[in-house]
C-alpha atoms as a PDB file:
ATOM      1  CA  UNK A   1     -38.403  53.250 206.587  1.00  0.00           C
ATOM      2  CA  UNK A   2     -39.520  54.457 203.500  1.00  0.00           C
ATOM      3  CA  UNK A   3     -43.279  52.770 204.235  1.00  0.00           C
ATOM      4  CA  UNK A   4     -43.121  54.443 207.568  1.00  0.00           C
ATOM      5  CA  UNK A   5     -42.267  58.075 206.160  1.00  0.00           C
ATOM      6  CA  UNK A   6     -44.960  57.315 203.510  1.00  0.00           C
ATOM      7  CA  UNK A   7     -47.336  57.213 206.441  1.00  0.00           C
ATOM      8  CA  UNK A   8     -46.144  59.941 207.883  1.00  0.00           C
ATOM      9  CA  UNK A   9     -44.740  58.239 211.486  1.00  0.00           C
ATOM     10  CA  UNK A  10     -40.961  59.324 210.639  1.00  0.00           C
ATOM     11  CA  UNK A  11     -39.041  62.058 209.142  1.00  0.00           C
ATOM     12  CA  UNK A  12     -36.006  61.257 207.191  1.00  0.00           C
ATOM     13  CA  UNK A  13     -33.210  63.796 207.532  1.00  0.00           C
ATOM     14  CA  UNK A  14     -30.625  63.695 205.139  1.00  0.00           C
ATOM     15  CA  UNK A  15     -27.106  62.888 206.902  1.00  0.00           C
ATOM     16  CA  UNK A  16     -28.715  62.933 210.354  1.00  0.00           C
ATOM     17  CA  UNK A  17     -31.123  60.042 210.150  1.00  0.00           C
ATOM     18  CA  UNK A  18     -34.774  59.114 210.928  1.00  0.00           C
ATOM     19  CA  UNK A  19     -36.865  60.570 213.643  1.00  0.00           C
ATOM     20  CA  UNK A  20     -40.601  60.233 214.923  1.00  0.00           C
ATOM     21  CA  UNK A  21     -42.630  62.603 213.517  1.00  0.00           C
ATOM     22  CA  UNK A  22     -43.494  64.994 216.343  1.00  0.00           C
ATOM     23  CA  UNK A  23     -47.457  65.495 217.512  1.00  0.00           C
ATOM     24  CA  UNK A  24     -47.743  69.127 217.252  1.00  0.00           C
ATOM     25  CA  UNK A  25     -50.168  71.689 216.511  1.00  0.00           C
ATOM     26  CA  UNK A  26     -49.445  72.223 212.907  1.00  0.00           C
ATOM     27  CA  UNK A  27     -49.061  68.111 212.120  1.00  0.00           C
ATOM     28  CA  UNK A  28     -52.475  67.399 214.313  1.00  0.00           C
ATOM     29  CA  UNK A  29     -54.538  69.997 212.737  1.00  0.00           C
ATOM     30  CA  UNK A  30     -52.995  69.271 209.088  1.00  0.00           C
ATOM     31  CA  UNK A  31     -54.233  65.413 209.519  1.00  0.00           C
ATOM     32  CA  UNK A  32     -57.841  66.246 210.741  1.00  0.00           C
ATOM     33  CA  UNK A  33     -58.279  68.835 208.109  1.00  0.00           C
ATOM     34  CA  UNK A  34     -57.399  66.496 205.255  1.00  0.00           C
ATOM     35  CA  UNK A  35     -59.041  63.409 207.089  1.00  0.00           C
ATOM     36  CA  UNK A  36     -62.174  65.771 207.059  1.00  0.00           C
ATOM     37  CA  UNK A  37     -62.198  66.375 203.530  1.00  0.00           C
ATOM     38  CA  UNK A  38     -61.573  62.777 202.519  1.00  0.00           C
ATOM     39  CA  UNK A  39     -64.362  61.650 204.857  1.00  0.00           C
ATOM     40  CA  UNK A  40     -66.998  64.445 204.034  1.00  0.00           C
ATOM     41  CA  UNK A  41     -66.490  63.456 200.470  1.00  0.00           C
ATOM     42  CA  UNK A  42     -66.702  59.925 200.948  1.00  0.00           C
ATOM     43  CA  UNK A  43     -69.553  60.109 203.290  1.00  0.00           C
ATOM     44  CA  UNK A  44     -71.826  62.166 201.028  1.00  0.00           C
ATOM     45  CA  UNK A  45     -71.222  59.134 198.363  1.00  0.00           C
ATOM     46  CA  UNK A  46     -72.353  56.765 201.061  1.00  0.00           C
ATOM     47  CA  UNK A  47     -75.366  58.704 201.988  1.00  0.00           C
ATOM     48  CA  UNK A  48     -76.306  58.618 198.315  1.00  0.00           C
ATOM     49  CA  UNK A  49     -75.474  55.119 197.614  1.00  0.00           C
ATOM     50  CA  UNK A  50     -76.111  52.940 200.986  1.00  0.00           C
ATOM     51  CA  UNK A  51     -77.864  49.639 200.770  1.00  0.00           C
ATOM     52  CA  UNK A  52     -79.651  47.888 203.577  1.00  0.00           C
ATOM     53  CA  UNK A  53     -76.333  45.747 204.581  1.00  0.00           C
ATOM     54  CA  UNK A  54     -74.519  48.721 204.999  1.00  0.00           C
ATOM     55  CA  UNK A  55     -76.346  49.940 207.407  1.00  0.00           C
ATOM     56  CA  UNK A  56     -76.671  46.762 209.339  1.00  0.00           C
ATOM     57  CA  UNK A  57     -72.818  46.570 209.493  1.00  0.00           C
ATOM     58  CA  UNK A  58     -72.873  50.291 210.604  1.00  0.00           C
ATOM     59  CA  UNK A  59     -75.412  49.258 213.690  1.00  0.00           C
ATOM     60  CA  UNK A  60     -73.495  46.215 214.281  1.00  0.00           C
ATOM     61  CA  UNK A  61     -69.909  48.238 214.562  1.00  0.00           C
ATOM     62  CA  UNK A  62     -71.830  50.675 216.921  1.00  0.00           C
ATOM     63  CA  UNK A  63     -73.474  47.911 219.406  1.00  0.00           C
ATOM     64  CA  UNK A  64     -69.935  46.401 219.312  1.00  0.00           C
ATOM     65  CA  UNK A  65     -68.257  50.084 219.838  1.00  0.00           C
ATOM     66  CA  UNK A  66     -70.712  50.323 222.821  1.00  0.00           C
ATOM     67  CA  UNK A  67     -69.797  47.070 224.623  1.00  0.00           C
ATOM     68  CA  UNK A  68     -66.155  47.990 224.289  1.00  0.00           C
ATOM     69  CA  UNK A  69     -67.132  51.417 226.077  1.00  0.00           C
ATOM     70  CA  UNK A  70     -68.938  49.720 228.431  1.00  0.00           C
ATOM     71  CA  UNK A  71     -66.080  47.404 229.236  1.00  0.00           C
ATOM     72  CA  UNK A  72     -63.378  50.190 228.855  1.00  0.00           C
ATOM     73  CA  UNK A  73     -61.217  48.443 225.932  1.00  0.00           C
ATOM     74  CA  UNK A  74     -59.712  51.334 224.592  1.00  0.00           C
ATOM     75  CA  UNK A  75     -57.476  49.479 222.138  1.00  0.00           C
ATOM     76  CA  UNK A  76     -61.067  47.645 220.782  1.00  0.00           C
ATOM     77  CA  UNK A  77     -62.945  50.585 220.835  1.00  0.00           C
ATOM     78  CA  UNK A  78     -59.950  52.416 218.447  1.00  0.00           C
ATOM     79  CA  UNK A  79     -59.687  49.339 215.855  1.00  0.00           C
ATOM     80  CA  UNK A  80     -63.723  49.317 215.919  1.00  0.00           C
ATOM     81  CA  UNK A  81     -63.875  52.981 215.211  1.00  0.00           C
ATOM     82  CA  UNK A  82     -61.268  52.653 212.342  1.00  0.00           C
ATOM     83  CA  UNK A  83     -63.264  49.967 210.888  1.00  0.00           C
ATOM     84  CA  UNK A  84     -66.369  51.898 211.121  1.00  0.00           C
ATOM     85  CA  UNK A  85     -64.794  54.690 209.147  1.00  0.00           C
ATOM     86  CA  UNK A  86     -63.361  52.373 206.279  1.00  0.00           C
ATOM     87  CA  UNK A  87     -67.006  50.586 205.964  1.00  0.00           C
ATOM     88  CA  UNK A  88     -67.472  53.868 204.220  1.00  0.00           C
ATOM     89  CA  UNK A  89     -64.516  53.939 202.038  1.00  0.00           C
ATOM     90  CA  UNK A  90     -65.842  51.282 199.602  1.00  0.00           C
ATOM     91  CA  UNK A  91     -68.044  54.252 198.533  1.00  0.00           C
ATOM     92  CA  UNK A  92     -64.966  56.544 197.661  1.00  0.00           C
ATOM     93  CA  UNK A  93     -64.987  54.687 194.259  1.00  0.00           C
ATOM     94  CA  UNK A  94     -61.501  56.212 193.748  1.00  0.00           C
ATOM     95  CA  UNK A  95     -58.244  55.127 194.103  1.00  0.00           C
ATOM     96  CA  UNK A  96     -56.359  58.184 195.035  1.00  0.00           C
ATOM     97  CA  UNK A  97     -58.488  58.880 197.996  1.00  0.00           C
ATOM     98  CA  UNK A  98     -58.771  55.171 199.137  1.00  0.00           C
ATOM     99  CA  UNK A  99     -54.781  55.297 199.361  1.00  0.00           C
ATOM    100  CA  UNK A 100     -54.415  58.619 200.861  1.00  0.00           C
ATOM    101  CA  UNK A 101     -56.357  57.375 203.979  1.00  0.00           C
ATOM    102  CA  UNK A 102     -54.578  54.256 204.235  1.00  0.00           C
ATOM    103  CA  UNK A 103     -51.521  56.032 204.353  1.00  0.00           C
ATOM    104  CA  UNK A 104     -52.950  58.615 206.857  1.00  0.00           C
ATOM    105  CA  UNK A 105     -54.296  55.669 209.209  1.00  0.00           C
ATOM    106  CA  UNK A 106     -51.222  55.248 211.127  1.00  0.00           C
ATOM    107  CA  UNK A 107     -51.038  58.859 212.208  1.00  0.00           C
ATOM    108  CA  UNK A 108     -54.888  58.876 212.888  1.00  0.00           C
ATOM    109  CA  UNK A 109     -54.628  56.235 214.933  1.00  0.00           C
ATOM    110  CA  UNK A 110     -51.850  57.444 216.865  1.00  0.00           C
ATOM    111  CA  UNK A 111     -53.547  60.675 217.506  1.00  0.00           C
ATOM    112  CA  UNK A 112     -56.634  58.947 218.363  1.00  0.00           C
ATOM    113  CA  UNK A 113     -54.856  56.758 221.077  1.00  0.00           C
ATOM    114  CA  UNK A 114     -53.146  59.902 222.575  1.00  0.00           C
ATOM    115  CA  UNK A 115     -56.651  61.942 223.089  1.00  0.00           C
ATOM    116  CA  UNK A 116     -58.260  58.285 224.207  1.00  0.00           C
ATOM    117  CA  UNK A 117     -55.478  57.448 226.669  1.00  0.00           C
ATOM    118  CA  UNK A 118     -55.409  61.379 228.239  1.00  0.00           C
ATOM    119  CA  UNK A 119     -59.178  62.295 227.874  1.00  0.00           C
ATOM    120  CA  UNK A 120     -60.888  58.876 229.235  1.00  0.00           C
ATOM    121  CA  UNK A 121     -64.507  57.870 228.847  1.00  0.00           C
ATOM    122  CA  UNK A 122     -65.463  61.340 227.652  1.00  0.00           C
ATOM    123  CA  UNK A 123     -63.870  60.823 224.518  1.00  0.00           C
ATOM    124  CA  UNK A 124     -64.904  57.417 224.065  1.00  0.00           C
ATOM    125  CA  UNK A 125     -68.609  59.079 224.795  1.00  0.00           C
ATOM    126  CA  UNK A 126     -67.858  61.904 222.351  1.00  0.00           C
ATOM    127  CA  UNK A 127     -66.966  59.358 219.545  1.00  0.00           C
ATOM    128  CA  UNK A 128     -70.144  57.003 220.298  1.00  0.00           C
ATOM    129  CA  UNK A 129     -72.462  60.063 219.927  1.00  0.00           C
ATOM    130  CA  UNK A 130     -70.753  61.017 216.533  1.00  0.00           C
ATOM    131  CA  UNK A 131     -71.084  57.370 215.290  1.00  0.00           C
ATOM    132  CA  UNK A 132     -74.751  57.190 216.317  1.00  0.00           C
ATOM    133  CA  UNK A 133     -75.436  60.826 214.813  1.00  0.00           C
ATOM    134  CA  UNK A 134     -73.666  59.462 211.674  1.00  0.00           C
ATOM    135  CA  UNK A 135     -76.143  56.610 211.131  1.00  0.00           C
ATOM    136  CA  UNK A 136     -79.172  58.549 211.682  1.00  0.00           C
ATOM    137  CA  UNK A 137     -78.189  60.930 209.171  1.00  0.00           C
ATOM    138  CA  UNK A 138     -76.715  57.885 206.383  1.00  0.00           C
ATOM    139  CA  UNK A 139     -80.591  56.577 207.202  1.00  0.00           C
ATOM    140  CA  UNK A 140     -82.049  59.596 206.575  1.00  0.00           C
ATOM    141  CA  UNK A 141     -79.666  60.059 202.996  1.00  0.00           C
ATOM    142  CA  UNK A 142     -79.162  63.800 204.628  1.00  0.00           C
ATOM    143  CA  UNK A 143     -75.829  64.779 203.205  1.00  0.00           C
ATOM    144  CA  UNK A 144     -75.656  67.835 204.806  1.00  0.00           C
ATOM    145  CA  UNK A 145     -76.283  66.722 208.275  1.00  0.00           C
ATOM    146  CA  UNK A 146     -73.605  63.935 207.656  1.00  0.00           C
ATOM    147  CA  UNK A 147     -71.091  66.312 206.477  1.00  0.00           C
ATOM    148  CA  UNK A 148     -71.611  68.537 209.420  1.00  0.00           C
ATOM    149  CA  UNK A 149     -71.477  65.681 211.884  1.00  0.00           C
ATOM    150  CA  UNK A 150     -68.291  64.595 210.224  1.00  0.00           C
ATOM    151  CA  UNK A 151     -66.628  68.235 210.573  1.00  0.00           C
ATOM    152  CA  UNK A 152     -67.877  68.371 213.843  1.00  0.00           C
ATOM    153  CA  UNK A 153     -66.006  64.944 214.782  1.00  0.00           C
ATOM    154  CA  UNK A 154     -62.889  66.329 213.046  1.00  0.00           C
ATOM    155  CA  UNK A 155     -62.867  69.378 215.064  1.00  0.00           C
ATOM    156  CA  UNK A 156     -63.634  67.900 218.081  1.00  0.00           C
ATOM    157  CA  UNK A 157     -61.076  65.030 217.900  1.00  0.00           C
ATOM    158  CA  UNK A 158     -58.628  67.630 216.761  1.00  0.00           C
ATOM    159  CA  UNK A 159     -58.883  69.669 219.654  1.00  0.00           C
ATOM    160  CA  UNK A 160     -58.879  66.675 222.059  1.00  0.00           C
ATOM    161  CA  UNK A 161     -55.819  65.598 220.628  1.00  0.00           C
ATOM    162  CA  UNK A 162     -54.185  69.089 220.952  1.00  0.00           C
ATOM    163  CA  UNK A 163     -55.410  69.113 224.354  1.00  0.00           C
ATOM    164  CA  UNK A 164     -53.795  65.797 225.141  1.00  0.00           C
ATOM    165  CA  UNK A 165     -50.679  67.070 223.886  1.00  0.00           C
ATOM    166  CA  UNK A 166     -50.592  70.140 225.454  1.00  0.00           C
ATOM    167  CA  UNK A 167     -51.483  68.342 228.944  1.00  0.00           C
ATOM    168  CA  UNK A 168     -48.378  66.113 228.700  1.00  0.00           C
ATOM    169  CA  UNK A 169     -46.385  68.958 227.828  1.00  0.00           C
ATOM    170  CA  UNK A 170     -47.097  70.857 230.641  1.00  0.00           C
ATOM    171  CA  UNK A 171     -46.793  68.013 232.924  1.00  0.00           C
ATOM    172  CA  UNK A 172     -43.101  67.259 231.548  1.00  0.00           C
END
C-alpha cells in the first residue's frame, strides 16, 4: 500500500482506509506541470549530449509507435511512448529526477490511457507528431525548440485527459 501511495495511485486516509486517487483537474494539471519540468530539463541535457545510437533508438521507437498506430494497438503504443520518454532519462544524470519520474509513471500511464481511450486515433496522431518533431529538434541540437515541443505536448496531453474526464462525468 505504501508503494501505491508513493506512486500516487491511492490515498491513505487515517482510520478510513485507502482509496484510489481521483483523476480530477487538480491532480491532472499538477502531474503534467511536474512532468513538463522534469522532461524539459532532461531533454535539454539530451540535446547537448546525444550520440548517434540515441537517435537510432529514438527513430526505431518512433517507427514501432507508427506501426502500433496503424494497427490501432493502443496498449503497445502507450508502452512504446513511455519507452521513448525513458530513453532520454539516461541523460538526466540526477538521482532525484529519475526517482521522481519513476514514481510518476503509473499516474502518467493512467492519465494517458484515459486520454487515448476517449480521444481515439486523434490522440495517437498528436503523440506521433510530437515524437517526430522532438526527434528533429534533438538532431538539430535545438534546446529551445525541444523545450517548446515538450511544453506543448504536456499542455495538449493534459487537456486531452481533462476533456476525457469531463466527458466521462457528463455521460455518467
